[in-house]
Amino acid sequence: DDVCLQAIAASCEELVELASSRCPRITSKGVSAIAQGCLKLRSMALVRSSVGRKGVQDIAKYCKNLRFLDLSECENALGLRCLAKPHKDGTIPCPMLQQLNV
């Protein structure tokens, strides 16, 4: 759940892969913590989680090394456009992203 993700974000700065399936108690709060705390993340699978718009926005903002993102069966994952739309400062969100599952 979000408390676990916040703890991981605070203590696992070198994390490069995170996979979670069927954890509806994972929301944008936990995902945002991971996005901001685990900047080396290359792969994130959050299948059937409750990540929402804020979580997706923070993935786009902070996960510069992300190559794989799986948000399949996430009914609340809104705002996917922010993964492709350049930020106001002109930087590209998730410039390394190669695979996106929704």
N, C-alpha and C. Protein backbone atom coordinates (compact mmCIF):
# COMPACT_ATOMS: atom_id res chain seq x y z
N ASP A 1 0.83 -1.19 0.00
CA ASP A 1 0.00 0.00 0.00
C ASP A 1 0.88 1.25 0.00
N ASP A 2 0.26 2.41 0.12
CA ASP A 2 1.00 3.67 0.03
C ASP A 2 2.07 3.82 1.10
N VAL A 3 1.80 3.34 2.32
CA VAL A 3 2.77 3.44 3.40
C VAL A 3 4.03 2.66 3.05
N CYS A 4 3.86 1.49 2.46
CA CYS A 4 5.01 0.69 2.04
C CYS A 4 5.79 1.40 0.94
N LEU A 5 5.09 1.97 -0.03
CA LEU A 5 5.78 2.67 -1.12
C LEU A 5 6.52 3.89 -0.60
N GLN A 6 5.96 4.59 0.36
CA GLN A 6 6.64 5.74 0.94
C GLN A 6 7.92 5.31 1.67
N ALA A 7 7.87 4.18 2.35
CA ALA A 7 9.06 3.66 3.04
C ALA A 7 10.12 3.24 2.03
N ILE A 8 9.70 2.59 0.97
CA ILE A 8 10.63 2.18 -0.09
C ILE A 8 11.28 3.41 -0.71
N ALA A 9 10.48 4.42 -1.00
CA ALA A 9 11.00 5.65 -1.61
C ALA A 9 12.03 6.33 -0.72
N ALA A 10 11.80 6.28 0.57
CA ALA A 10 12.71 6.94 1.51
C ALA A 10 14.02 6.18 1.72
N SER A 11 14.02 4.88 1.47
CA SER A 11 15.21 4.11 1.80
C SER A 11 15.86 3.35 0.64
N CYS A 12 15.26 3.39 -0.53
CA CYS A 12 15.78 2.62 -1.67
C CYS A 12 16.04 3.52 -2.88
N GLU A 13 16.94 4.46 -2.72
CA GLU A 13 17.24 5.41 -3.79
C GLU A 13 17.79 4.76 -5.05
N GLU A 14 18.38 3.57 -4.91
CA GLU A 14 18.99 2.87 -6.04
C GLU A 14 18.02 1.95 -6.78
N LEU A 15 16.78 1.90 -6.35
CA LEU A 15 15.78 1.00 -6.95
C LEU A 15 15.64 1.28 -8.44
N VAL A 16 15.67 0.23 -9.26
CA VAL A 16 15.53 0.38 -10.71
C VAL A 16 14.29 -0.31 -11.25
N GLU A 17 13.68 -1.19 -10.47
CA GLU A 17 12.48 -1.90 -10.93
C GLU A 17 11.49 -2.06 -9.79
N LEU A 18 10.23 -1.77 -10.09
CA LEU A 18 9.16 -1.94 -9.12
C LEU A 18 7.99 -2.61 -9.83
N ALA A 19 7.53 -3.72 -9.29
CA ALA A 19 6.40 -4.44 -9.87
C ALA A 19 5.37 -4.72 -8.79
N SER A 20 4.14 -4.38 -9.09
CA SER A 20 3.04 -4.62 -8.17
C SER A 20 1.82 -5.01 -8.98
N SER A 21 1.10 -6.00 -8.50
CA SER A 21 -0.09 -6.45 -9.21
C SER A 21 -1.22 -6.68 -8.21
N ARG A 22 -2.38 -6.20 -8.57
CA ARG A 22 -3.59 -6.39 -7.76
C ARG A 22 -3.45 -5.77 -6.37
N CYS A 23 -2.97 -4.57 -6.32
CA CYS A 23 -2.86 -3.83 -5.05
C CYS A 23 -3.68 -2.55 -5.15
N PRO A 24 -4.99 -2.63 -4.99
CA PRO A 24 -5.84 -1.45 -5.13
C PRO A 24 -5.58 -0.37 -4.07
N ARG A 25 -4.85 -0.70 -3.01
CA ARG A 25 -4.56 0.29 -1.98
C ARG A 25 -3.35 1.14 -2.33
N ILE A 26 -2.74 0.88 -3.48
CA ILE A 26 -1.68 1.76 -3.98
C ILE A 26 -2.35 2.87 -4.76
N THR A 27 -2.13 4.10 -4.31
CA THR A 27 -2.76 5.27 -4.94
C THR A 27 -1.67 6.24 -5.41
N SER A 28 -2.11 7.39 -5.86
CA SER A 28 -1.17 8.41 -6.31
C SER A 28 -0.21 8.84 -5.21
N LYS A 29 -0.65 8.79 -3.98
CA LYS A 29 0.21 9.21 -2.87
C LYS A 29 1.48 8.36 -2.82
N GLY A 30 1.34 7.06 -2.88
CA GLY A 30 2.50 6.17 -2.86
C GLY A 30 3.33 6.25 -4.13
N VAL A 31 2.65 6.33 -5.26
CA VAL A 31 3.33 6.41 -6.55
C VAL A 31 4.14 7.71 -6.65
N SER A 32 3.58 8.80 -6.16
CA SER A 32 4.29 10.08 -6.17
C SER A 32 5.56 10.00 -5.31
N ALA A 33 5.46 9.33 -4.17
CA ALA A 33 6.64 9.17 -3.31
C ALA A 33 7.72 8.37 -4.04
N ILE A 34 7.34 7.29 -4.71
CA ILE A 34 8.30 6.49 -5.47
C ILE A 34 8.91 7.32 -6.59
N ALA A 35 8.10 8.05 -7.32
CA ALA A 35 8.59 8.86 -8.45
C ALA A 35 9.62 9.89 -7.98
N GLN A 36 9.39 10.48 -6.83
CA GLN A 36 10.28 11.51 -6.32
C GLN A 36 11.50 10.95 -5.58
N GLY A 37 11.36 9.75 -5.01
CA GLY A 37 12.45 9.19 -4.21
C GLY A 37 13.34 8.19 -4.92
N CYS A 38 12.86 7.62 -6.00
CA CYS A 38 13.60 6.57 -6.71
C CYS A 38 13.87 7.04 -8.14
N LEU A 39 14.77 7.98 -8.27
CA LEU A 39 15.01 8.63 -9.56
C LEU A 39 15.71 7.75 -10.59
N LYS A 40 16.23 6.60 -10.16
CA LYS A 40 16.91 5.69 -11.09
C LYS A 40 15.98 4.62 -11.65
N LEU A 41 14.71 4.70 -11.29
CA LEU A 41 13.73 3.71 -11.70
C LEU A 41 13.67 3.59 -13.22
N ARG A 42 13.78 2.35 -13.72
CA ARG A 42 13.71 2.10 -15.16
C ARG A 42 12.46 1.33 -15.56
N SER A 43 11.87 0.62 -14.62
CA SER A 43 10.70 -0.20 -14.92
C SER A 43 9.71 -0.10 -13.77
N MET A 44 8.45 0.19 -14.10
CA MET A 44 7.41 0.29 -13.08
C MET A 44 6.14 -0.37 -13.61
N ALA A 45 5.67 -1.37 -12.89
CA ALA A 45 4.42 -2.05 -13.22
C ALA A 45 3.48 -1.90 -12.03
N LEU A 46 2.35 -1.27 -12.27
CA LEU A 46 1.37 -1.03 -11.22
C LEU A 46 0.01 -1.56 -11.66
N VAL A 47 -0.02 -2.80 -12.08
CA VAL A 47 -1.22 -3.42 -12.62
C VAL A 47 -2.32 -3.48 -11.56
N ARG A 48 -3.50 -3.04 -11.93
CA ARG A 48 -4.69 -3.04 -11.06
C ARG A 48 -4.49 -2.25 -9.77
N SER A 49 -3.75 -1.17 -9.85
CA SER A 49 -3.62 -0.29 -8.69
C SER A 49 -4.64 0.83 -8.82
N SER A 50 -4.65 1.73 -7.86
CA SER A 50 -5.57 2.86 -7.89
C SER A 50 -4.84 4.17 -8.14
N VAL A 51 -3.72 4.10 -8.87
CA VAL A 51 -2.99 5.32 -9.21
C VAL A 51 -3.90 6.23 -10.02
N GLY A 52 -3.85 7.52 -9.72
CA GLY A 52 -4.69 8.51 -10.40
C GLY A 52 -3.86 9.53 -11.14
N ARG A 53 -4.50 10.63 -11.48
CA ARG A 53 -3.87 11.69 -12.28
C ARG A 53 -2.58 12.21 -11.65
N LYS A 54 -2.58 12.49 -10.35
CA LYS A 54 -1.41 13.05 -9.68
C LYS A 54 -0.23 12.09 -9.75
N GLY A 55 -0.47 10.81 -9.57
CA GLY A 55 0.59 9.83 -9.67
C GLY A 55 1.20 9.77 -11.06
N VAL A 56 0.35 9.79 -12.08
CA VAL A 56 0.82 9.78 -13.47
C VAL A 56 1.61 11.05 -13.75
N GLN A 57 1.13 12.18 -13.26
CA GLN A 57 1.85 13.45 -13.47
C GLN A 57 3.23 13.42 -12.82
N ASP A 58 3.33 12.84 -11.64
CA ASP A 58 4.64 12.78 -10.97
C ASP A 58 5.57 11.78 -11.65
N ILE A 59 5.03 10.72 -12.20
CA ILE A 59 5.85 9.80 -13.00
C ILE A 59 6.45 10.58 -14.17
N ALA A 60 5.60 11.35 -14.86
CA ALA A 60 6.06 12.14 -16.00
C ALA A 60 7.09 13.19 -15.60
N LYS A 61 6.93 13.74 -14.42
CA LYS A 61 7.81 14.81 -13.96
C LYS A 61 9.17 14.32 -13.46
N TYR A 62 9.19 13.20 -12.74
CA TYR A 62 10.41 12.79 -12.04
C TYR A 62 11.12 11.56 -12.62
N CYS A 63 10.43 10.72 -13.34
CA CYS A 63 11.01 9.44 -13.78
C CYS A 63 11.70 9.57 -15.14
N LYS A 64 12.84 10.24 -15.14
CA LYS A 64 13.58 10.51 -16.38
C LYS A 64 14.26 9.28 -16.96
N ASN A 65 14.47 8.24 -16.15
CA ASN A 65 15.14 7.03 -16.63
C ASN A 65 14.17 5.89 -16.94
N LEU A 66 12.89 6.14 -16.79
CA LEU A 66 11.88 5.10 -16.97
C LEU A 66 11.83 4.64 -18.43
N ARG A 67 11.92 3.31 -18.62
CA ARG A 67 11.86 2.71 -19.95
C ARG A 67 10.58 1.91 -20.15
N PHE A 68 10.03 1.38 -19.07
CA PHE A 68 8.84 0.53 -19.13
C PHE A 68 7.85 0.98 -18.07
N LEU A 69 6.61 1.18 -18.47
CA LEU A 69 5.55 1.56 -17.54
C LEU A 69 4.30 0.76 -17.87
N ASP A 70 3.79 0.04 -16.87
CA ASP A 70 2.58 -0.77 -17.05
C ASP A 70 1.52 -0.27 -16.08
N LEU A 71 0.50 0.35 -16.64
CA LEU A 71 -0.65 0.82 -15.86
C LEU A 71 -1.92 0.10 -16.30
N SER A 72 -1.76 -1.12 -16.80
CA SER A 72 -2.93 -1.85 -17.29
C SER A 72 -3.89 -2.17 -16.14
N GLU A 73 -5.15 -2.10 -16.47
CA GLU A 73 -6.25 -2.34 -15.54
C GLU A 73 -6.29 -1.35 -14.37
N CYS A 74 -5.71 -0.17 -14.57
CA CYS A 74 -5.78 0.91 -13.57
C CYS A 74 -6.89 1.87 -14.01
N GLU A 75 -8.05 1.70 -13.45
CA GLU A 75 -9.23 2.46 -13.87
C GLU A 75 -9.13 3.95 -13.57
N ASN A 76 -8.31 4.33 -12.61
CA ASN A 76 -8.19 5.74 -12.21
C ASN A 76 -7.02 6.45 -12.86
N ALA A 77 -6.26 5.76 -13.69
CA ALA A 77 -5.06 6.35 -14.30
C ALA A 77 -5.45 7.33 -15.39
N LEU A 78 -5.74 8.54 -14.99
CA LEU A 78 -6.13 9.60 -15.92
C LEU A 78 -4.92 10.47 -16.23
N GLY A 79 -5.02 11.26 -17.27
CA GLY A 79 -3.97 12.21 -17.58
C GLY A 79 -2.76 11.61 -18.24
N LEU A 80 -2.94 10.52 -18.96
CA LEU A 80 -1.81 9.88 -19.63
C LEU A 80 -1.14 10.79 -20.65
N ARG A 81 -1.85 11.79 -21.10
CA ARG A 81 -1.29 12.75 -22.07
C ARG A 81 -0.03 13.42 -21.53
N CYS A 82 0.05 13.58 -20.22
CA CYS A 82 1.22 14.24 -19.63
C CYS A 82 2.50 13.43 -19.84
N LEU A 83 2.39 12.16 -20.20
CA LEU A 83 3.58 11.36 -20.48
C LEU A 83 4.20 11.71 -21.82
N ALA A 84 3.44 12.37 -22.69
CA ALA A 84 3.93 12.72 -24.02
C ALA A 84 4.09 14.22 -24.23
N LYS A 85 3.37 14.99 -23.45
CA LYS A 85 3.38 16.45 -23.61
C LYS A 85 4.60 17.07 -22.91
N PRO A 86 5.41 17.86 -23.63
CA PRO A 86 6.58 18.51 -23.00
C PRO A 86 6.17 19.39 -21.81
N HIS A 87 7.04 19.44 -20.81
CA HIS A 87 6.81 20.30 -19.65
C HIS A 87 6.90 21.77 -20.06
N LYS A 88 6.46 22.65 -19.19
CA LYS A 88 6.50 24.09 -19.47
C LYS A 88 7.91 24.59 -19.74
N ASP A 89 8.92 23.94 -19.13
CA ASP A 89 10.30 24.37 -19.34
C ASP A 89 10.90 23.75 -20.61
N GLY A 90 10.10 23.00 -21.35
CA GLY A 90 10.55 22.42 -22.62
C GLY A 90 11.13 21.02 -22.51
N THR A 91 11.34 20.53 -21.28
CA THR A 91 11.87 19.18 -21.13
C THR A 91 10.80 18.15 -21.47
N ILE A 92 11.27 17.00 -21.91
CA ILE A 92 10.37 15.93 -22.33
C ILE A 92 10.14 14.97 -21.16
N PRO A 93 8.88 14.64 -20.84
CA PRO A 93 8.63 13.70 -19.76
C PRO A 93 9.04 12.29 -20.16
N CYS A 94 9.64 11.57 -19.25
CA CYS A 94 10.06 10.18 -19.48
C CYS A 94 10.73 10.01 -20.84
N PRO A 95 11.83 10.71 -21.08
CA PRO A 95 12.46 10.68 -22.41
C PRO A 95 12.98 9.31 -22.82
N MET A 96 13.18 8.41 -21.88
CA MET A 96 13.72 7.07 -22.19
C MET A 96 12.60 6.03 -22.37
N LEU A 97 11.34 6.41 -22.17
CA LEU A 97 10.23 5.46 -22.20
C LEU A 97 10.15 4.75 -23.54
N GLN A 98 10.16 3.41 -23.49
CA GLN A 98 10.10 2.60 -24.70
C GLN A 98 8.82 1.78 -24.78
N GLN A 99 8.25 1.44 -23.63
CA GLN A 99 7.04 0.62 -23.62
C GLN A 99 6.07 1.13 -22.58
N LEU A 100 4.82 1.31 -23.00
CA LEU A 100 3.74 1.77 -22.14
C LEU A 100 2.55 0.85 -22.31
N ASN A 101 2.11 0.22 -21.23
CA ASN A 101 0.92 -0.63 -21.27
C ASN A 101 -0.17 0.05 -20.45
N VAL A 102 -1.32 0.23 -21.07
CA VAL A 102 -2.47 0.82 -20.36
C VAL A 102 -3.70 -0.03 -20.55
